[in-house]
């Protein structure tokens, strides 16, 4: 796959079907989402915020919030999972990831609103992240979490990740997974765009 272009963030939007029959939208964070994203983090339980950021934090510092809402800076990306609740687009989960081209590695972290945990949102978001990783050309995806974060460990295990020790911090466990470049089913918008762009380049090269 080739590097993606993010001129139109909405091209990378995905609508996923939950086991309840409802729909979940996963899209890149935009600058207009700053206030809603900060409100989302503030509304997480103390434990969920601690698990997400591996330490005590009541909200995102302004500098960190700025990083979250500017997609693609230093090959770092943020997505939000939203649902329509009483006619309002509401953030129910988020993820931030980075891609290292030299090692074809995709590192990520996620959180789900406490009120919406246990409804399959985390599993669907993990599948979507795997496809987004493939669209970037990643061969390996991984994350770190606290040894006490049972919910994340269960989700990673359910999603097919293997576990190893974190090389730098004994309080953390690393979960990682080899991924295929081609998604097995229902490819995400980012993968379709990358595949189309790759095909266009291949066609042009052949024609020349």
C-alpha atoms as a PDB file:
ATOM      1  CA  UNK A   1       0.000   0.000   0.000  1.00  0.00           C
ATOM      2  CA  UNK A   2       1.069   3.606  -0.495  1.00  0.00           C
ATOM      3  CA  UNK A   3       0.852   6.533   1.876  1.00  0.00           C
ATOM      4  CA  UNK A   4      -2.665   7.897   2.183  1.00  0.00           C
ATOM      5  CA  UNK A   5      -3.704  11.455   1.488  1.00  0.00           C
ATOM      6  CA  UNK A   6      -5.959  13.088   4.069  1.00  0.00           C
ATOM      7  CA  UNK A   7      -7.206  16.108   2.155  1.00  0.00           C
ATOM      8  CA  UNK A   8     -10.765  14.875   2.582  1.00  0.00           C
ATOM      9  CA  UNK A   9     -11.046  13.179   5.954  1.00  0.00           C
ATOM     10  CA  UNK A  10     -14.637  12.181   5.317  1.00  0.00           C
ATOM     11  CA  UNK A  11     -13.534   9.757   2.597  1.00  0.00           C
ATOM     12  CA  UNK A  12     -12.160   7.549   5.386  1.00  0.00           C
ATOM     13  CA  UNK A  13     -15.444   7.314   7.294  1.00  0.00           C
ATOM     14  CA  UNK A  14     -16.802   3.843   8.066  1.00  0.00           C
ATOM     15  CA  UNK A  15     -20.268   2.814   9.218  1.00  0.00           C
ATOM     16  CA  UNK A  16     -20.185  -0.432  11.183  1.00  0.00           C
ATOM     17  CA  UNK A  17     -23.054  -2.684  12.225  1.00  0.00           C
ATOM     18  CA  UNK A  18     -23.269  -3.609  15.900  1.00  0.00           C
ATOM     19  CA  UNK A  19     -24.652  -6.914  17.137  1.00  0.00           C
ATOM     20  CA  UNK A  20     -27.611  -4.988  18.585  1.00  0.00           C
ATOM     21  CA  UNK A  21     -28.528  -3.934  15.065  1.00  0.00           C
ATOM     22  CA  UNK A  22     -27.462  -0.340  15.623  1.00  0.00           C
ATOM     23  CA  UNK A  23     -24.818   1.459  13.588  1.00  0.00           C
ATOM     24  CA  UNK A  24     -21.469   2.836  14.690  1.00  0.00           C
ATOM     25  CA  UNK A  25     -19.627   5.514  12.729  1.00  0.00           C
ATOM     26  CA  UNK A  26     -15.833   5.575  12.862  1.00  0.00           C
ATOM     27  CA  UNK A  27     -14.153   8.651  11.428  1.00  0.00           C
ATOM     28  CA  UNK A  28     -11.055  10.756  11.807  1.00  0.00           C
ATOM     29  CA  UNK A  29     -11.156  13.450  14.456  1.00  0.00           C
ATOM     30  CA  UNK A  30     -11.509  16.961  13.072  1.00  0.00           C
ATOM     31  CA  UNK A  31     -10.644  20.285  14.726  1.00  0.00           C
ATOM     32  CA  UNK A  32     -14.349  20.941  15.254  1.00  0.00           C
ATOM     33  CA  UNK A  33     -14.455  17.874  17.537  1.00  0.00           C
ATOM     34  CA  UNK A  34     -12.089  19.343  20.131  1.00  0.00           C
ATOM     35  CA  UNK A  35     -14.723  20.340  22.682  1.00  0.00           C
ATOM     36  CA  UNK A  36     -16.729  17.122  22.321  1.00  0.00           C
ATOM     37  CA  UNK A  37     -13.592  14.986  22.573  1.00  0.00           C
ATOM     38  CA  UNK A  38     -12.456  16.754  25.724  1.00  0.00           C
ATOM     39  CA  UNK A  39     -15.946  16.304  27.205  1.00  0.00           C
ATOM     40  CA  UNK A  40     -15.760  12.603  26.343  1.00  0.00           C
ATOM     41  CA  UNK A  41     -12.502  12.140  28.255  1.00  0.00           C
ATOM     42  CA  UNK A  42     -13.800  14.126  31.226  1.00  0.00           C
ATOM     43  CA  UNK A  43     -16.889  11.896  31.372  1.00  0.00           C
ATOM     44  CA  UNK A  44     -14.881   8.661  31.542  1.00  0.00           C
ATOM     45  CA  UNK A  45     -14.607   7.097  34.958  1.00  0.00           C
ATOM     46  CA  UNK A  46     -11.399   7.732  36.888  1.00  0.00           C
ATOM     47  CA  UNK A  47     -10.403   4.107  36.303  1.00  0.00           C
ATOM     48  CA  UNK A  48     -11.083   4.240  32.563  1.00  0.00           C
ATOM     49  CA  UNK A  49      -9.014   7.397  32.155  1.00  0.00           C
ATOM     50  CA  UNK A  50      -6.209   5.860  34.209  1.00  0.00           C
ATOM     51  CA  UNK A  51      -6.271   2.729  32.038  1.00  0.00           C
ATOM     52  CA  UNK A  52      -6.334   4.740  28.818  1.00  0.00           C
ATOM     53  CA  UNK A  53      -3.437   7.031  29.658  1.00  0.00           C
ATOM     54  CA  UNK A  54      -1.530   4.680  31.976  1.00  0.00           C
ATOM     55  CA  UNK A  55      -1.709   7.247  34.737  1.00  0.00           C
ATOM     56  CA  UNK A  56      -3.879   9.816  36.503  1.00  0.00           C
ATOM     57  CA  UNK A  57      -5.400  12.452  34.208  1.00  0.00           C
ATOM     58  CA  UNK A  58      -8.656  14.372  34.513  1.00  0.00           C
ATOM     59  CA  UNK A  59      -8.620  15.701  30.954  1.00  0.00           C
ATOM     60  CA  UNK A  60      -6.336  16.062  27.962  1.00  0.00           C
ATOM     61  CA  UNK A  61      -3.760  18.849  28.324  1.00  0.00           C
ATOM     62  CA  UNK A  62      -4.270  21.447  25.607  1.00  0.00           C
ATOM     63  CA  UNK A  63      -1.095  20.453  23.780  1.00  0.00           C
ATOM     64  CA  UNK A  64      -2.200  16.807  23.723  1.00  0.00           C
ATOM     65  CA  UNK A  65      -5.699  17.760  22.579  1.00  0.00           C
ATOM     66  CA  UNK A  66      -4.125  19.712  19.719  1.00  0.00           C
ATOM     67  CA  UNK A  67      -2.225  16.578  18.683  1.00  0.00           C
ATOM     68  CA  UNK A  68      -5.423  14.516  18.775  1.00  0.00           C
ATOM     69  CA  UNK A  69      -7.353  16.810  16.450  1.00  0.00           C
ATOM     70  CA  UNK A  70      -4.664  17.216  13.791  1.00  0.00           C
ATOM     71  CA  UNK A  71      -4.680  13.987  11.805  1.00  0.00           C
ATOM     72  CA  UNK A  72      -1.480  12.767  10.204  1.00  0.00           C
ATOM     73  CA  UNK A  73       1.046  14.889  12.086  1.00  0.00           C
ATOM     74  CA  UNK A  74       4.201  12.801  12.600  1.00  0.00           C
ATOM     75  CA  UNK A  75       2.250   9.781  11.265  1.00  0.00           C
ATOM     76  CA  UNK A  76      -0.133   9.890  14.238  1.00  0.00           C
ATOM     77  CA  UNK A  77      -3.890   9.592  13.768  1.00  0.00           C
ATOM     78  CA  UNK A  78      -7.006   9.802  15.932  1.00  0.00           C
ATOM     79  CA  UNK A  79     -10.456   8.381  15.241  1.00  0.00           C
ATOM     80  CA  UNK A  80     -13.719   8.611  17.122  1.00  0.00           C
ATOM     81  CA  UNK A  81     -16.573   6.119  17.239  1.00  0.00           C
ATOM     82  CA  UNK A  82     -19.931   7.880  17.298  1.00  0.00           C
ATOM     83  CA  UNK A  83     -23.600   7.027  17.507  1.00  0.00           C
ATOM     84  CA  UNK A  84     -26.701   9.121  17.005  1.00  0.00           C
ATOM     85  CA  UNK A  85     -28.335   9.490  20.426  1.00  0.00           C
ATOM     86  CA  UNK A  86     -31.506  11.589  20.611  1.00  0.00           C
ATOM     87  CA  UNK A  87     -30.583  13.050  17.244  1.00  0.00           C
ATOM     88  CA  UNK A  88     -27.106  14.144  18.349  1.00  0.00           C
ATOM     89  CA  UNK A  89     -23.815  12.648  17.152  1.00  0.00           C
ATOM     90  CA  UNK A  90     -22.265  11.351  20.381  1.00  0.00           C
ATOM     91  CA  UNK A  91     -18.737  10.033  20.927  1.00  0.00           C
ATOM     92  CA  UNK A  92     -18.870   6.564  22.491  1.00  0.00           C
ATOM     93  CA  UNK A  93     -15.260   5.524  21.856  1.00  0.00           C
ATOM     94  CA  UNK A  94     -11.952   6.702  20.465  1.00  0.00           C
ATOM     95  CA  UNK A  95      -8.585   5.439  19.339  1.00  0.00           C
ATOM     96  CA  UNK A  96      -5.225   6.972  18.565  1.00  0.00           C
ATOM     97  CA  UNK A  97      -2.563   5.236  16.539  1.00  0.00           C
ATOM     98  CA  UNK A  98       0.808   5.714  14.978  1.00  0.00           C
ATOM     99  CA  UNK A  99       2.499   4.055  12.025  1.00  0.00           C
ATOM    100  CA  UNK A 100       6.226   3.346  11.732  1.00  0.00           C
ATOM    101  CA  UNK A 101       7.044   2.660   8.080  1.00  0.00           C
ATOM    102  CA  UNK A 102      10.549   1.342   8.788  1.00  0.00           C
ATOM    103  CA  UNK A 103       9.198  -1.554  10.871  1.00  0.00           C
ATOM    104  CA  UNK A 104       5.718  -1.710   9.278  1.00  0.00           C
ATOM    105  CA  UNK A 105       4.339  -1.417  12.828  1.00  0.00           C
ATOM    106  CA  UNK A 106       1.060   0.102  13.962  1.00  0.00           C
ATOM    107  CA  UNK A 107       0.808   1.096  17.634  1.00  0.00           C
ATOM    108  CA  UNK A 108      -2.564   2.021  19.094  1.00  0.00           C
ATOM    109  CA  UNK A 109      -4.605   2.740  22.200  1.00  0.00           C
ATOM    110  CA  UNK A 110      -8.387   2.843  22.590  1.00  0.00           C
ATOM    111  CA  UNK A 111     -11.119   3.650  25.062  1.00  0.00           C
ATOM    112  CA  UNK A 112     -14.871   3.083  25.200  1.00  0.00           C
ATOM    113  CA  UNK A 113     -17.350   5.203  27.157  1.00  0.00           C
ATOM    114  CA  UNK A 114     -18.138   3.375  30.420  1.00  0.00           C
ATOM    115  CA  UNK A 115     -21.867   3.562  29.695  1.00  0.00           C
ATOM    116  CA  UNK A 116     -21.399   1.784  26.348  1.00  0.00           C
ATOM    117  CA  UNK A 117     -18.991  -0.957  27.309  1.00  0.00           C
ATOM    118  CA  UNK A 118     -20.068  -4.570  26.817  1.00  0.00           C
ATOM    119  CA  UNK A 119     -22.065  -3.861  23.641  1.00  0.00           C
ATOM    120  CA  UNK A 120     -19.524  -4.926  21.035  1.00  0.00           C
ATOM    121  CA  UNK A 121     -18.234  -1.424  20.261  1.00  0.00           C
ATOM    122  CA  UNK A 122     -14.684  -2.279  21.314  1.00  0.00           C
ATOM    123  CA  UNK A 123     -14.588  -5.391  19.123  1.00  0.00           C
ATOM    124  CA  UNK A 124     -15.858  -3.529  16.068  1.00  0.00           C
ATOM    125  CA  UNK A 125     -13.422  -0.682  16.632  1.00  0.00           C
ATOM    126  CA  UNK A 126     -10.535  -3.157  16.905  1.00  0.00           C
ATOM    127  CA  UNK A 127     -11.521  -4.756  13.577  1.00  0.00           C
ATOM    128  CA  UNK A 128     -11.688  -1.349  11.970  1.00  0.00           C
ATOM    129  CA  UNK A 129      -8.277  -0.410  13.317  1.00  0.00           C
ATOM    130  CA  UNK A 130      -6.812  -3.600  11.875  1.00  0.00           C
ATOM    131  CA  UNK A 131      -8.119  -2.630   8.447  1.00  0.00           C
ATOM    132  CA  UNK A 132      -6.803   0.910   8.825  1.00  0.00           C
ATOM    133  CA  UNK A 133      -3.430  -0.574   9.742  1.00  0.00           C
ATOM    134  CA  UNK A 134      -3.487  -2.683   6.585  1.00  0.00           C
ATOM    135  CA  UNK A 135      -4.283   0.399   4.508  1.00  0.00           C
ATOM    136  CA  UNK A 136      -1.046   1.982   5.730  1.00  0.00           C
ATOM    137  CA  UNK A 137       0.977  -1.111   4.886  1.00  0.00           C
ATOM    138  CA  UNK A 138       1.430  -2.298   8.465  1.00  0.00           C
ATOM    139  CA  UNK A 139       2.314  -5.933   9.111  1.00  0.00           C
ATOM    140  CA  UNK A 140       2.178  -5.782  12.895  1.00  0.00           C
ATOM    141  CA  UNK A 141      -0.119  -3.983  15.288  1.00  0.00           C
ATOM    142  CA  UNK A 142       0.416  -3.698  19.011  1.00  0.00           C
ATOM    143  CA  UNK A 143      -0.482  -1.822  22.146  1.00  0.00           C
ATOM    144  CA  UNK A 144       0.400  -1.699  25.817  1.00  0.00           C
ATOM    145  CA  UNK A 145      -1.933  -1.758  28.777  1.00  0.00           C
ATOM    146  CA  UNK A 146      -1.757  -2.078  32.518  1.00  0.00           C
ATOM    147  CA  UNK A 147      -1.632  -5.610  33.913  1.00  0.00           C
ATOM    148  CA  UNK A 148      -4.691  -4.656  35.968  1.00  0.00           C
ATOM    149  CA  UNK A 149      -6.746  -3.605  32.913  1.00  0.00           C
ATOM    150  CA  UNK A 150      -8.826  -6.764  32.653  1.00  0.00           C
ATOM    151  CA  UNK A 151     -11.290  -5.284  30.146  1.00  0.00           C
ATOM    152  CA  UNK A 152      -8.583  -4.376  27.618  1.00  0.00           C
ATOM    153  CA  UNK A 153      -6.829  -7.699  28.089  1.00  0.00           C
ATOM    154  CA  UNK A 154     -10.101  -9.559  27.433  1.00  0.00           C
ATOM    155  CA  UNK A 155     -10.791  -7.466  24.346  1.00  0.00           C
ATOM    156  CA  UNK A 156      -7.292  -8.015  22.950  1.00  0.00           C
ATOM    157  CA  UNK A 157      -7.473 -11.757  23.583  1.00  0.00           C
ATOM    158  CA  UNK A 158     -10.900 -11.950  21.939  1.00  0.00           C
ATOM    159  CA  UNK A 159      -9.484 -10.058  18.944  1.00  0.00           C
ATOM    160  CA  UNK A 160      -6.698 -12.602  18.447  1.00  0.00           C
ATOM    161  CA  UNK A 161      -3.742 -10.785  19.985  1.00  0.00           C
ATOM    162  CA  UNK A 162      -0.854 -12.565  21.667  1.00  0.00           C
ATOM    163  CA  UNK A 163       0.685 -11.251  24.888  1.00  0.00           C
ATOM    164  CA  UNK A 164       4.274 -10.501  25.814  1.00  0.00           C
ATOM    165  CA  UNK A 165       6.051  -8.510  28.485  1.00  0.00           C
ATOM    166  CA  UNK A 166       6.513  -4.826  27.898  1.00  0.00           C
ATOM    167  CA  UNK A 167      10.263  -4.350  27.463  1.00  0.00           C
ATOM    168  CA  UNK A 168      10.361  -1.081  29.414  1.00  0.00           C
ATOM    169  CA  UNK A 169       7.782  -1.259  32.211  1.00  0.00           C
ATOM    170  CA  UNK A 170       6.926  -4.281  34.368  1.00  0.00           C
ATOM    171  CA  UNK A 171       3.480  -2.805  35.164  1.00  0.00           C
ATOM    172  CA  UNK A 172       2.446  -3.129  31.510  1.00  0.00           C
ATOM    173  CA  UNK A 173       1.641  -6.022  29.225  1.00  0.00           C
ATOM    174  CA  UNK A 174       2.041  -5.800  25.447  1.00  0.00           C
ATOM    175  CA  UNK A 175      -0.495  -7.325  23.051  1.00  0.00           C
ATOM    176  CA  UNK A 176       0.437  -7.750  19.417  1.00  0.00           C
ATOM    177  CA  UNK A 177      -0.808  -9.363  16.250  1.00  0.00           C
ATOM    178  CA  UNK A 178       0.458 -10.046  12.743  1.00  0.00           C
ATOM    179  CA  UNK A 179      -1.974  -8.653  10.204  1.00  0.00           C
ATOM    180  CA  UNK A 180      -2.599  -9.363   6.552  1.00  0.00           C
ATOM    181  CA  UNK A 181      -2.370  -6.559   4.022  1.00  0.00           C
ATOM    182  CA  UNK A 182      -5.705  -7.571   2.520  1.00  0.00           C
ATOM    183  CA  UNK A 183      -8.702  -7.589   4.894  1.00  0.00           C
ATOM    184  CA  UNK A 184     -10.664 -10.821   4.791  1.00  0.00           C
ATOM    185  CA  UNK A 185     -14.079  -9.188   4.617  1.00  0.00           C
ATOM    186  CA  UNK A 186     -15.812  -5.828   4.555  1.00  0.00           C
ATOM    187  CA  UNK A 187     -12.700  -3.689   3.917  1.00  0.00           C
ATOM    188  CA  UNK A 188     -12.728  -0.220   5.455  1.00  0.00           C
ATOM    189  CA  UNK A 189     -12.836   2.969   3.409  1.00  0.00           C
ATOM    190  CA  UNK A 190      -9.132   3.700   4.022  1.00  0.00           C
ATOM    191  CA  UNK A 191      -8.140   0.306   2.608  1.00  0.00           C
ATOM    192  CA  UNK A 192     -10.356   0.743  -0.439  1.00  0.00           C
ATOM    193  CA  UNK A 193      -8.861   4.165  -1.128  1.00  0.00           C
ATOM    194  CA  UNK A 194      -5.298   2.901  -0.711  1.00  0.00           C
ATOM    195  CA  UNK A 195      -5.991  -0.127  -2.937  1.00  0.00           C
ATOM    196  CA  UNK A 196      -7.538   2.069  -5.617  1.00  0.00           C
ATOM    197  CA  UNK A 197      -4.598   4.479  -5.525  1.00  0.00           C
ATOM    198  CA  UNK A 198      -2.147   1.584  -5.703  1.00  0.00           C
ATOM    199  CA  UNK A 199      -3.993   0.156  -8.692  1.00  0.00           C
ATOM    200  CA  UNK A 200      -3.947   3.504 -10.453  1.00  0.00           C
ATOM    201  CA  UNK A 201      -0.193   3.752  -9.996  1.00  0.00           C
ATOM    202  CA  UNK A 202       0.332   0.190 -11.213  1.00  0.00           C
ATOM    203  CA  UNK A 203      -1.796   0.865 -14.298  1.00  0.00           C
ATOM    204  CA  UNK A 204       0.083   4.064 -15.067  1.00  0.00           C
ATOM    205  CA  UNK A 205       3.448   2.310 -14.689  1.00  0.00           C
ATOM    206  CA  UNK A 206       2.338  -0.509 -16.999  1.00  0.00           C
ATOM    207  CA  UNK A 207       1.080   1.969 -19.600  1.00  0.00           C
ATOM    208  CA  UNK A 208       4.363   3.855 -19.613  1.00  0.00           C
END
